[in-house]
Amino acid sequence: MNQKLQSKIPVIYEAIVKPRFNDFDPYGHVNSSCYLDYVISSRWDYTQKHFKFGPQEFIDQGIGFYLLRSEFDFKKSITAKHHEVFVSSFVSDKKMDLLYIDFSIQDINKTVTFSSGKLVFAVIDLTTKKKSPLPEKFEIYFWK
């Protein structure tokens, strides 16, 4: 872990996501491609709800987040009986212009884990379209 982050407490993003009818494959399971959407959507929902700050505000400030890598460990299928799932995520590390986000997707009671993993995002300066360190003023959205 980054030395500077050791003293900071990550903001845990938590949200409830409702699988949609079209998320299900012919086998009655949520298609694996939807899991990424659940994690990313839950993070934007959280920033909107708790910080009153969303994608457009980041864009207006000239900051973007581009997904570089996603790793998913699929443990159990989300099926039609799961009307809601609980998604939790946090920035576990920061290296220069990269943010590492750990996540889990669980049943609504948090007793069954459907998937867990890590996402890696590059922080992008939207003016130059190049990777850039996260400006300090944005750290409040990720660490306490």
C-alpha atoms as a PDB file:
ATOM      1  CA  MET A   1       0.000   0.000   0.000  1.00  0.00           C
ATOM      2  CA  ASN A   2       1.087   3.542  -0.721  1.00  0.00           C
ATOM      3  CA  GLN A   3       2.893   5.105   2.295  1.00  0.00           C
ATOM      4  CA  LYS A   4       0.653   8.207   2.281  1.00  0.00           C
ATOM      5  CA  LEU A   5      -2.528   6.090   2.308  1.00  0.00           C
ATOM      6  CA  GLN A   6      -1.550   4.092   5.393  1.00  0.00           C
ATOM      7  CA  SER A   7      -2.714   6.929   7.642  1.00  0.00           C
ATOM      8  CA  LYS A   8      -5.953   7.566   5.734  1.00  0.00           C
ATOM      9  CA  ILE A   9      -9.237   5.748   6.150  1.00  0.00           C
ATOM     10  CA  PRO A  10     -10.950   4.854   2.862  1.00  0.00           C
ATOM     11  CA  VAL A  11     -14.507   5.984   2.234  1.00  0.00           C
ATOM     12  CA  ILE A  12     -16.555   2.796   1.847  1.00  0.00           C
ATOM     13  CA  TYR A  13     -19.012   3.178  -0.992  1.00  0.00           C
ATOM     14  CA  GLU A  14     -22.147   1.124  -0.356  1.00  0.00           C
ATOM     15  CA  ALA A  15     -25.248   0.855  -2.484  1.00  0.00           C
ATOM     16  CA  ILE A  16     -28.144  -1.440  -3.217  1.00  0.00           C
ATOM     17  CA  VAL A  17     -28.538  -2.409  -6.864  1.00  0.00           C
ATOM     18  CA  LYS A  18     -31.645  -3.976  -8.375  1.00  0.00           C
ATOM     19  CA  PRO A  19     -30.913  -6.442 -11.193  1.00  0.00           C
ATOM     20  CA  ARG A  20     -32.986  -5.580 -14.245  1.00  0.00           C
ATOM     21  CA  PHE A  21     -34.919  -8.063 -16.361  1.00  0.00           C
ATOM     22  CA  ASN A  22     -32.464  -7.717 -19.255  1.00  0.00           C
ATOM     23  CA  ASP A  23     -29.472  -8.465 -16.960  1.00  0.00           C
ATOM     24  CA  PHE A  24     -30.404 -12.147 -16.920  1.00  0.00           C
ATOM     25  CA  ASP A  25     -29.008 -14.663 -19.398  1.00  0.00           C
ATOM     26  CA  PRO A  26     -30.949 -17.669 -20.757  1.00  0.00           C
ATOM     27  CA  TYR A  27     -29.822 -19.706 -17.729  1.00  0.00           C
ATOM     28  CA  GLY A  28     -31.590 -17.364 -15.292  1.00  0.00           C
ATOM     29  CA  HIS A  29     -28.345 -15.882 -13.947  1.00  0.00           C
ATOM     30  CA  VAL A  30     -27.191 -12.287 -14.100  1.00  0.00           C
ATOM     31  CA  ASN A  31     -24.809 -12.114 -17.040  1.00  0.00           C
ATOM     32  CA  SER A  32     -21.220 -11.649 -15.873  1.00  0.00           C
ATOM     33  CA  SER A  33     -20.884  -8.453 -17.926  1.00  0.00           C
ATOM     34  CA  CYS A  34     -23.460  -6.785 -15.658  1.00  0.00           C
ATOM     35  CA  TYR A  35     -21.312  -7.180 -12.544  1.00  0.00           C
ATOM     36  CA  LEU A  36     -18.939  -4.437 -13.724  1.00  0.00           C
ATOM     37  CA  ASP A  37     -21.909  -2.144 -14.330  1.00  0.00           C
ATOM     38  CA  TYR A  38     -23.176  -2.835 -10.803  1.00  0.00           C
ATOM     39  CA  VAL A  39     -19.864  -1.804  -9.234  1.00  0.00           C
ATOM     40  CA  ILE A  40     -19.349   1.336 -11.312  1.00  0.00           C
ATOM     41  CA  SER A  41     -23.003   2.420 -11.098  1.00  0.00           C
ATOM     42  CA  SER A  42     -23.007   1.905  -7.335  1.00  0.00           C
ATOM     43  CA  ARG A  43     -19.975   4.185  -6.998  1.00  0.00           C
ATOM     44  CA  TRP A  44     -21.647   6.973  -8.975  1.00  0.00           C
ATOM     45  CA  ASP A  45     -24.882   6.499  -7.012  1.00  0.00           C
ATOM     46  CA  TYR A  46     -22.924   6.827  -3.788  1.00  0.00           C
ATOM     47  CA  THR A  47     -21.151  10.048  -4.829  1.00  0.00           C
ATOM     48  CA  GLN A  48     -24.456  11.565  -5.930  1.00  0.00           C
ATOM     49  CA  LYS A  49     -26.251  10.590  -2.717  1.00  0.00           C
ATOM     50  CA  HIS A  50     -23.519  11.313  -0.154  1.00  0.00           C
ATOM     51  CA  PHE A  51     -21.439  14.043  -1.759  1.00  0.00           C
ATOM     52  CA  LYS A  52     -23.980  15.637  -4.125  1.00  0.00           C
ATOM     53  CA  PHE A  53     -21.203  15.353  -6.695  1.00  0.00           C
ATOM     54  CA  GLY A  54     -21.398  13.144  -9.755  1.00  0.00           C
ATOM     55  CA  PRO A  55     -19.870  12.408 -13.138  1.00  0.00           C
ATOM     56  CA  GLN A  56     -20.705  15.795 -14.637  1.00  0.00           C
ATOM     57  CA  GLU A  57     -19.059  17.656 -11.759  1.00  0.00           C
ATOM     58  CA  PHE A  58     -15.846  15.680 -12.223  1.00  0.00           C
ATOM     59  CA  ILE A  59     -15.971  16.389 -15.961  1.00  0.00           C
ATOM     60  CA  ASP A  60     -16.578  20.087 -15.291  1.00  0.00           C
ATOM     61  CA  GLN A  61     -13.477  20.044 -13.054  1.00  0.00           C
ATOM     62  CA  GLY A  62     -11.457  18.416 -15.863  1.00  0.00           C
ATOM     63  CA  ILE A  63     -11.016  15.015 -14.205  1.00  0.00           C
ATOM     64  CA  GLY A  64     -11.870  11.638 -15.701  1.00  0.00           C
ATOM     65  CA  PHE A  65     -11.483   8.052 -14.568  1.00  0.00           C
ATOM     66  CA  TYR A  66     -10.684   5.482 -17.268  1.00  0.00           C
ATOM     67  CA  LEU A  67     -10.939   1.798 -16.472  1.00  0.00           C
ATOM     68  CA  LEU A  68      -7.677   0.002 -17.213  1.00  0.00           C
ATOM     69  CA  ARG A  69      -8.267  -3.395 -15.642  1.00  0.00           C
ATOM     70  CA  SER A  70     -11.018  -5.371 -13.977  1.00  0.00           C
ATOM     71  CA  GLU A  71     -10.576  -8.595 -12.015  1.00  0.00           C
ATOM     72  CA  PHE A  72     -13.613 -10.553 -10.896  1.00  0.00           C
ATOM     73  CA  ASP A  73     -13.777 -13.648  -8.745  1.00  0.00           C
ATOM     74  CA  PHE A  74     -17.208 -15.135  -9.411  1.00  0.00           C
ATOM     75  CA  LYS A  75     -18.236 -17.148  -6.371  1.00  0.00           C
ATOM     76  CA  LYS A  76     -21.993 -17.668  -6.707  1.00  0.00           C
ATOM     77  CA  SER A  77     -24.585 -16.716  -9.315  1.00  0.00           C
ATOM     78  CA  ILE A  78     -27.028 -13.877  -8.873  1.00  0.00           C
ATOM     79  CA  THR A  79     -30.383 -15.347  -9.866  1.00  0.00           C
ATOM     80  CA  ALA A  80     -33.929 -14.067 -10.335  1.00  0.00           C
ATOM     81  CA  LYS A  81     -34.694 -14.701  -6.655  1.00  0.00           C
ATOM     82  CA  HIS A  82     -32.223 -11.914  -5.780  1.00  0.00           C
ATOM     83  CA  HIS A  83     -34.275  -8.773  -6.279  1.00  0.00           C
ATOM     84  CA  GLU A  84     -31.511  -6.616  -4.824  1.00  0.00           C
ATOM     85  CA  VAL A  85     -27.788  -6.965  -4.241  1.00  0.00           C
ATOM     86  CA  PHE A  86     -25.460  -5.060  -1.931  1.00  0.00           C
ATOM     87  CA  VAL A  87     -22.330  -3.560  -3.518  1.00  0.00           C
ATOM     88  CA  SER A  88     -19.430  -2.305  -1.435  1.00  0.00           C
ATOM     89  CA  SER A  89     -16.204  -0.765  -2.732  1.00  0.00           C
ATOM     90  CA  PHE A  90     -13.310   1.427  -1.675  1.00  0.00           C
ATOM     91  CA  VAL A  91     -10.013   2.758  -2.990  1.00  0.00           C
ATOM     92  CA  SER A  92      -7.468   0.372  -1.495  1.00  0.00           C
ATOM     93  CA  ASP A  93      -4.383   1.954  -3.053  1.00  0.00           C
ATOM     94  CA  LYS A  94      -3.177   4.869  -5.115  1.00  0.00           C
ATOM     95  CA  LYS A  95       0.013   4.847  -7.157  1.00  0.00           C
ATOM     96  CA  MET A  96       0.854   8.030  -9.023  1.00  0.00           C
ATOM     97  CA  ASP A  97      -2.028   8.345 -11.496  1.00  0.00           C
ATOM     98  CA  LEU A  98      -3.772   5.037 -10.713  1.00  0.00           C
ATOM     99  CA  LEU A  99      -6.584   4.189  -8.286  1.00  0.00           C
ATOM    100  CA  TYR A 100      -7.077   0.584  -7.137  1.00  0.00           C
ATOM    101  CA  ILE A 101     -10.639  -0.188  -6.072  1.00  0.00           C
ATOM    102  CA  ASP A 102     -11.552  -3.336  -4.142  1.00  0.00           C
ATOM    103  CA  PHE A 103     -15.189  -4.423  -4.278  1.00  0.00           C
ATOM    104  CA  SER A 104     -17.663  -7.083  -3.288  1.00  0.00           C
ATOM    105  CA  ILE A 105     -21.174  -7.877  -4.467  1.00  0.00           C
ATOM    106  CA  GLN A 106     -23.302  -9.665  -1.880  1.00  0.00           C
ATOM    107  CA  ASP A 107     -26.883 -10.627  -1.202  1.00  0.00           C
ATOM    108  CA  ILE A 108     -28.955  -7.962   0.516  1.00  0.00           C
ATOM    109  CA  ASN A 109     -28.332  -9.562   3.937  1.00  0.00           C
ATOM    110  CA  LYS A 110     -24.548  -9.615   3.325  1.00  0.00           C
ATOM    111  CA  THR A 111     -24.390 -13.350   4.043  1.00  0.00           C
ATOM    112  CA  VAL A 112     -23.543 -14.577   0.521  1.00  0.00           C
ATOM    113  CA  THR A 113     -20.794 -13.123  -1.648  1.00  0.00           C
ATOM    114  CA  PHE A 114     -21.533 -13.346  -5.362  1.00  0.00           C
ATOM    115  CA  SER A 115     -18.339 -11.712  -6.550  1.00  0.00           C
ATOM    116  CA  SER A 116     -15.319  -9.788  -5.340  1.00  0.00           C
ATOM    117  CA  GLY A 117     -12.352  -8.292  -7.084  1.00  0.00           C
ATOM    118  CA  LYS A 118     -10.388  -5.221  -8.032  1.00  0.00           C
ATOM    119  CA  LEU A 119     -10.693  -2.430 -10.573  1.00  0.00           C
ATOM    120  CA  VAL A 120      -7.827  -0.229 -11.684  1.00  0.00           C
ATOM    121  CA  PHE A 121      -8.587   3.246 -12.987  1.00  0.00           C
ATOM    122  CA  ALA A 122      -6.282   5.825 -14.488  1.00  0.00           C
ATOM    123  CA  VAL A 123      -6.922   9.397 -13.412  1.00  0.00           C
ATOM    124  CA  ILE A 124      -7.118  11.498 -16.574  1.00  0.00           C
ATOM    125  CA  ASP A 125      -6.683  15.224 -17.060  1.00  0.00           C
ATOM    126  CA  LEU A 126      -9.491  15.817 -19.545  1.00  0.00           C
ATOM    127  CA  THR A 127      -7.799  18.901 -20.984  1.00  0.00           C
ATOM    128  CA  THR A 128      -4.595  17.108 -21.984  1.00  0.00           C
ATOM    129  CA  LYS A 129      -6.206  13.624 -22.279  1.00  0.00           C
ATOM    130  CA  LYS A 130      -3.216  12.239 -20.350  1.00  0.00           C
ATOM    131  CA  LYS A 131      -2.857  10.399 -17.084  1.00  0.00           C
ATOM    132  CA  SER A 132      -2.437  12.716 -14.130  1.00  0.00           C
ATOM    133  CA  PRO A 133      -2.107  12.373 -10.362  1.00  0.00           C
ATOM    134  CA  LEU A 134      -5.402  12.801  -8.521  1.00  0.00           C
ATOM    135  CA  PRO A 135      -5.671  16.473  -7.503  1.00  0.00           C
ATOM    136  CA  GLU A 136      -5.583  16.762  -3.720  1.00  0.00           C
ATOM    137  CA  LYS A 137      -8.964  18.531  -3.583  1.00  0.00           C
ATOM    138  CA  PHE A 138     -10.638  15.317  -4.840  1.00  0.00           C
ATOM    139  CA  GLU A 139      -9.178  13.082  -2.126  1.00  0.00           C
ATOM    140  CA  ILE A 140     -12.175  13.807   0.161  1.00  0.00           C
ATOM    141  CA  TYR A 141     -14.251  11.572  -2.128  1.00  0.00           C
ATOM    142  CA  PHE A 142     -11.996   8.613  -1.471  1.00  0.00           C
ATOM    143  CA  TRP A 143     -10.404   8.990   1.998  1.00  0.00           C
ATOM    144  CA  LYS A 144     -11.356  10.423   5.387  1.00  0.00           C
END
